[in-house]
Every structure is written in C-alpha cells, then in structure tokens.
Amino acid sequence: MHAYGKAATSAVLTHLKRDLMHAIWLLLLDDEFMHAYEHGIVIRFADDVYRRVFPRFLTYAADYPEKYVSSMTLLPYNGSFEFQDSPCMY
C-alpha cells in the first residue's frame, strides 16, 4: 500500500497467489525430486528390509482456495507395479 498509495485489488491478489504457488512447485520439483519420482528411493524400513519407494504429491483442490490441501507421501513398490498398503489410500 505504501508504494502505490492504495491496496491491491482482489484480482491482483489472486494473480499473486497463483504466481506464488507456481514458484513453490518449481522449487519442489527440482532435479533431485524428479530423479526420485522416476527411479524411486531405497529406504531401510523398521523391519530391516530395504524397499524402493516413489515420492508422490497428492493434492485435493476444492472450489475455494482456502480449502486447498496438499501433502507428500512415499508409496511403496512391491515388484508388480501395485502399491502396498499406504495410509493415504484409505
């Protein structure tokens, strides 16, 4: 407000929020993440078994921006391109 002498309009704020979300996605989807997305990450689980997991972003977008939810989960791979039990699947 100090630079222009008046508050930003609703349309300007909507545009800025959209640009911010795009910038955040660019930061998240860097080369390291994309490599893990394509090839997986080998992790030793609590039962001392190594498993390859694939990070995925699960998103839910509602009609209203304030209802937007995003989370990241690691989906285990069991050798047959099927996902094992994962908390995000229920």
N, C-alpha and C. Protein backbone atom coordinates (compact mmCIF):
# COMPACT_ATOMS: atom_id res chain seq x y z
N MET A 1 0.83 -1.19 0.00
CA MET A 1 0.00 0.00 0.00
C MET A 1 0.87 1.25 0.00
N HIS A 2 2.04 1.18 0.58
CA HIS A 2 2.89 2.36 0.66
C HIS A 2 3.45 2.75 -0.71
N ALA A 3 3.72 1.80 -1.57
CA ALA A 3 4.32 2.10 -2.86
C ALA A 3 3.35 2.78 -3.82
N TYR A 4 2.09 2.36 -3.80
CA TYR A 4 1.13 2.88 -4.77
C TYR A 4 0.04 3.74 -4.15
N GLY A 5 -0.01 3.81 -2.85
CA GLY A 5 -0.98 4.65 -2.19
C GLY A 5 -2.37 4.04 -2.04
N LYS A 6 -2.56 2.81 -2.49
CA LYS A 6 -3.85 2.14 -2.31
C LYS A 6 -3.62 0.63 -2.24
N ALA A 7 -4.58 -0.07 -1.69
CA ALA A 7 -4.47 -1.52 -1.51
C ALA A 7 -4.63 -2.25 -2.85
N ALA A 8 -4.05 -3.43 -2.94
CA ALA A 8 -4.18 -4.25 -4.15
C ALA A 8 -5.62 -4.73 -4.31
N THR A 9 -6.03 -4.83 -5.55
CA THR A 9 -7.39 -5.32 -5.83
C THR A 9 -7.44 -6.83 -5.62
N SER A 10 -8.64 -7.35 -5.59
CA SER A 10 -8.85 -8.79 -5.44
C SER A 10 -8.22 -9.55 -6.60
N ALA A 11 -8.34 -9.01 -7.79
CA ALA A 11 -7.77 -9.67 -8.97
C ALA A 11 -6.24 -9.73 -8.89
N VAL A 12 -5.62 -8.67 -8.42
CA VAL A 12 -4.16 -8.65 -8.28
C VAL A 12 -3.71 -9.66 -7.24
N LEU A 13 -4.40 -9.73 -6.10
CA LEU A 13 -4.06 -10.70 -5.06
C LEU A 13 -4.22 -12.13 -5.55
N THR A 14 -5.27 -12.40 -6.32
CA THR A 14 -5.48 -13.73 -6.89
C THR A 14 -4.32 -14.09 -7.82
N HIS A 15 -3.91 -13.15 -8.65
CA HIS A 15 -2.80 -13.37 -9.57
C HIS A 15 -1.50 -13.65 -8.80
N LEU A 16 -1.25 -12.89 -7.76
CA LEU A 16 -0.03 -13.07 -6.97
C LEU A 16 -0.02 -14.42 -6.25
N LYS A 17 -1.17 -14.85 -5.74
CA LYS A 17 -1.26 -16.15 -5.08
C LYS A 17 -0.98 -17.28 -6.07
N ARG A 18 -1.50 -17.14 -7.27
CA ARG A 18 -1.26 -18.14 -8.31
C ARG A 18 0.22 -18.20 -8.66
N ASP A 19 0.83 -17.03 -8.84
CA ASP A 19 2.26 -16.98 -9.14
C ASP A 19 3.09 -17.59 -8.01
N LEU A 20 2.69 -17.34 -6.78
CA LEU A 20 3.39 -17.91 -5.63
C LEU A 20 3.32 -19.43 -5.65
N MET A 21 2.15 -19.98 -5.91
CA MET A 21 2.00 -21.44 -5.96
C MET A 21 2.86 -22.04 -7.08
N HIS A 22 2.92 -21.39 -8.23
CA HIS A 22 3.75 -21.89 -9.32
C HIS A 22 5.23 -21.86 -8.95
N ALA A 23 5.65 -20.81 -8.26
CA ALA A 23 7.05 -20.71 -7.83
C ALA A 23 7.38 -21.80 -6.81
N ILE A 24 6.45 -22.10 -5.92
CA ILE A 24 6.67 -23.15 -4.92
C ILE A 24 6.81 -24.50 -5.61
N TRP A 25 5.94 -24.79 -6.60
CA TRP A 25 6.03 -26.06 -7.32
C TRP A 25 7.37 -26.18 -8.04
N LEU A 26 7.87 -25.08 -8.60
CA LEU A 26 9.17 -25.13 -9.27
C LEU A 26 10.29 -25.47 -8.28
N LEU A 27 10.20 -24.96 -7.06
CA LEU A 27 11.19 -25.28 -6.04
C LEU A 27 11.08 -26.75 -5.61
N LEU A 28 9.87 -27.25 -5.47
CA LEU A 28 9.67 -28.63 -5.03
C LEU A 28 10.08 -29.65 -6.08
N LEU A 29 9.79 -29.35 -7.34
CA LEU A 29 10.04 -30.31 -8.42
C LEU A 29 11.43 -30.11 -9.03
N ASP A 30 12.45 -30.09 -8.18
CA ASP A 30 13.81 -29.92 -8.66
C ASP A 30 14.34 -31.23 -9.25
N ASP A 31 15.57 -31.22 -9.73
CA ASP A 31 16.15 -32.40 -10.39
C ASP A 31 16.24 -33.60 -9.44
N GLU A 32 16.60 -33.35 -8.19
CA GLU A 32 16.72 -34.44 -7.22
C GLU A 32 15.37 -35.13 -6.99
N PHE A 33 14.30 -34.33 -6.83
CA PHE A 33 12.98 -34.92 -6.64
C PHE A 33 12.53 -35.67 -7.89
N MET A 34 12.76 -35.10 -9.07
CA MET A 34 12.32 -35.75 -10.30
C MET A 34 13.05 -37.09 -10.51
N HIS A 35 14.32 -37.16 -10.11
CA HIS A 35 15.04 -38.43 -10.20
C HIS A 35 14.40 -39.46 -9.26
N ALA A 36 14.09 -39.05 -8.04
CA ALA A 36 13.43 -39.96 -7.09
C ALA A 36 12.04 -40.34 -7.58
N TYR A 37 11.33 -39.42 -8.21
CA TYR A 37 10.00 -39.68 -8.75
C TYR A 37 10.06 -40.77 -9.82
N GLU A 38 11.07 -40.71 -10.68
CA GLU A 38 11.19 -41.67 -11.78
C GLU A 38 11.79 -43.00 -11.35
N HIS A 39 12.81 -42.96 -10.48
CA HIS A 39 13.58 -44.16 -10.16
C HIS A 39 13.36 -44.68 -8.74
N GLY A 40 12.71 -43.91 -7.90
CA GLY A 40 12.47 -44.33 -6.53
C GLY A 40 13.66 -44.10 -5.62
N ILE A 41 13.43 -44.34 -4.33
CA ILE A 41 14.45 -44.19 -3.30
C ILE A 41 14.45 -45.50 -2.51
N VAL A 42 15.62 -46.06 -2.27
CA VAL A 42 15.72 -47.27 -1.47
C VAL A 42 15.86 -46.86 -0.01
N ILE A 43 14.94 -47.34 0.82
CA ILE A 43 14.91 -46.99 2.24
C ILE A 43 14.88 -48.28 3.06
N ARG A 44 15.65 -48.31 4.16
CA ARG A 44 15.58 -49.44 5.08
C ARG A 44 14.46 -49.16 6.08
N PHE A 45 13.48 -50.04 6.11
CA PHE A 45 12.33 -49.88 6.99
C PHE A 45 12.63 -50.46 8.38
N ALA A 46 11.72 -50.26 9.31
CA ALA A 46 11.91 -50.69 10.70
C ALA A 46 12.07 -52.20 10.82
N ASP A 47 11.52 -52.97 9.86
CA ASP A 47 11.65 -54.43 9.91
C ASP A 47 12.96 -54.91 9.27
N ASP A 48 13.89 -53.96 9.03
CA ASP A 48 15.23 -54.23 8.49
C ASP A 48 15.20 -54.74 7.05
N VAL A 49 14.12 -54.43 6.32
CA VAL A 49 14.01 -54.79 4.91
C VAL A 49 14.14 -53.51 4.08
N TYR A 50 14.96 -53.58 3.03
CA TYR A 50 15.11 -52.44 2.13
C TYR A 50 14.00 -52.47 1.09
N ARG A 51 13.36 -51.34 0.88
CA ARG A 51 12.28 -51.24 -0.10
C ARG A 51 12.49 -49.99 -0.94
N ARG A 52 12.06 -50.07 -2.19
CA ARG A 52 12.11 -48.90 -3.07
C ARG A 52 10.76 -48.19 -2.99
N VAL A 53 10.79 -46.91 -2.68
CA VAL A 53 9.56 -46.13 -2.58
C VAL A 53 9.63 -44.98 -3.59
N PHE A 54 8.47 -44.55 -4.00
CA PHE A 54 8.35 -43.49 -5.00
C PHE A 54 7.59 -42.32 -4.40
N PRO A 55 8.24 -41.15 -4.25
CA PRO A 55 7.53 -39.99 -3.68
C PRO A 55 6.48 -39.48 -4.66
N ARG A 56 5.34 -39.13 -4.13
CA ARG A 56 4.25 -38.56 -4.92
C ARG A 56 3.60 -37.43 -4.14
N PHE A 57 3.13 -36.44 -4.83
CA PHE A 57 2.35 -35.38 -4.22
C PHE A 57 0.88 -35.68 -4.47
N LEU A 58 0.13 -35.80 -3.43
CA LEU A 58 -1.31 -35.99 -3.55
C LEU A 58 -1.97 -34.65 -3.24
N THR A 59 -2.81 -34.21 -4.11
CA THR A 59 -3.46 -32.91 -3.90
C THR A 59 -4.97 -33.06 -3.94
N TYR A 60 -5.59 -32.20 -3.23
CA TYR A 60 -7.05 -32.08 -3.25
C TYR A 60 -7.35 -30.61 -3.43
N ALA A 61 -8.05 -30.27 -4.46
CA ALA A 61 -8.41 -28.88 -4.71
C ALA A 61 -9.93 -28.76 -4.67
N ALA A 62 -10.41 -27.87 -3.86
CA ALA A 62 -11.85 -27.65 -3.74
C ALA A 62 -12.23 -26.38 -4.50
N ASP A 63 -13.47 -26.02 -4.41
CA ASP A 63 -13.95 -24.83 -5.11
C ASP A 63 -13.36 -23.55 -4.53
N TYR A 64 -12.91 -23.60 -3.31
CA TYR A 64 -12.41 -22.40 -2.65
C TYR A 64 -10.93 -22.58 -2.34
N PRO A 65 -10.09 -21.58 -2.64
CA PRO A 65 -8.65 -21.71 -2.41
C PRO A 65 -8.30 -22.05 -0.96
N GLU A 66 -9.08 -21.58 0.01
CA GLU A 66 -8.76 -21.85 1.41
C GLU A 66 -9.00 -23.31 1.78
N LYS A 67 -9.67 -24.07 0.91
CA LYS A 67 -9.88 -25.50 1.16
C LYS A 67 -8.83 -26.36 0.46
N TYR A 68 -7.83 -25.74 -0.14
CA TYR A 68 -6.79 -26.46 -0.86
C TYR A 68 -5.90 -27.20 0.13
N VAL A 69 -5.66 -28.47 -0.12
CA VAL A 69 -4.81 -29.28 0.74
C VAL A 69 -3.79 -29.99 -0.14
N SER A 70 -2.56 -30.02 0.29
CA SER A 70 -1.53 -30.74 -0.44
C SER A 70 -0.69 -31.50 0.56
N SER A 71 -0.29 -32.71 0.18
CA SER A 71 0.57 -33.49 1.05
C SER A 71 1.52 -34.31 0.20
N MET A 72 2.60 -34.74 0.81
CA MET A 72 3.54 -35.59 0.12
C MET A 72 3.56 -36.94 0.81
N THR A 73 3.61 -37.99 0.02
CA THR A 73 3.66 -39.33 0.59
C THR A 73 4.65 -40.16 -0.20
N LEU A 74 5.16 -41.20 0.42
CA LEU A 74 6.02 -42.16 -0.26
C LEU A 74 5.22 -43.43 -0.46
N LEU A 75 5.07 -43.86 -1.69
CA LEU A 75 4.29 -45.04 -2.00
C LEU A 75 5.23 -46.22 -2.22
N PRO A 76 5.10 -47.28 -1.43
CA PRO A 76 5.99 -48.44 -1.58
C PRO A 76 5.73 -49.19 -2.88
N TYR A 77 6.76 -49.79 -3.40
CA TYR A 77 6.69 -50.58 -4.63
C TYR A 77 6.98 -52.02 -4.26
N ASN A 78 6.08 -52.94 -4.65
CA ASN A 78 6.26 -54.34 -4.25
C ASN A 78 6.68 -55.25 -5.40
N GLY A 79 7.15 -54.69 -6.50
CA GLY A 79 7.66 -55.50 -7.60
C GLY A 79 6.67 -55.77 -8.71
N SER A 80 5.40 -55.48 -8.52
CA SER A 80 4.41 -55.76 -9.56
C SER A 80 3.64 -54.51 -9.98
N PHE A 81 4.23 -53.36 -9.76
CA PHE A 81 3.61 -52.08 -10.09
C PHE A 81 2.28 -51.87 -9.38
N GLU A 82 2.11 -52.50 -8.24
CA GLU A 82 0.95 -52.27 -7.40
C GLU A 82 1.43 -51.66 -6.11
N PHE A 83 0.64 -50.81 -5.54
CA PHE A 83 1.03 -50.17 -4.30
C PHE A 83 0.63 -51.06 -3.12
N GLN A 84 1.54 -51.13 -2.16
CA GLN A 84 1.21 -51.82 -0.91
C GLN A 84 0.34 -50.90 -0.07
N ASP A 85 -0.11 -51.43 1.06
CA ASP A 85 -0.93 -50.61 1.95
C ASP A 85 -0.22 -49.30 2.28
N SER A 86 -0.92 -48.23 2.12
CA SER A 86 -0.38 -46.93 2.42
C SER A 86 -1.46 -46.12 3.11
N PRO A 87 -1.13 -45.35 4.17
CA PRO A 87 -2.17 -44.62 4.89
C PRO A 87 -2.96 -43.67 4.01
N CYS A 88 -2.35 -43.19 2.92
CA CYS A 88 -3.05 -42.24 2.07
C CYS A 88 -4.11 -42.91 1.20
N MET A 89 -4.14 -44.23 1.17
CA MET A 89 -5.07 -44.94 0.29
C MET A 89 -6.41 -45.21 0.95
N TYR A 90 -6.57 -44.87 2.22
CA TYR A 90 -7.80 -45.18 2.93
C TYR A 90 -8.54 -43.94 3.33
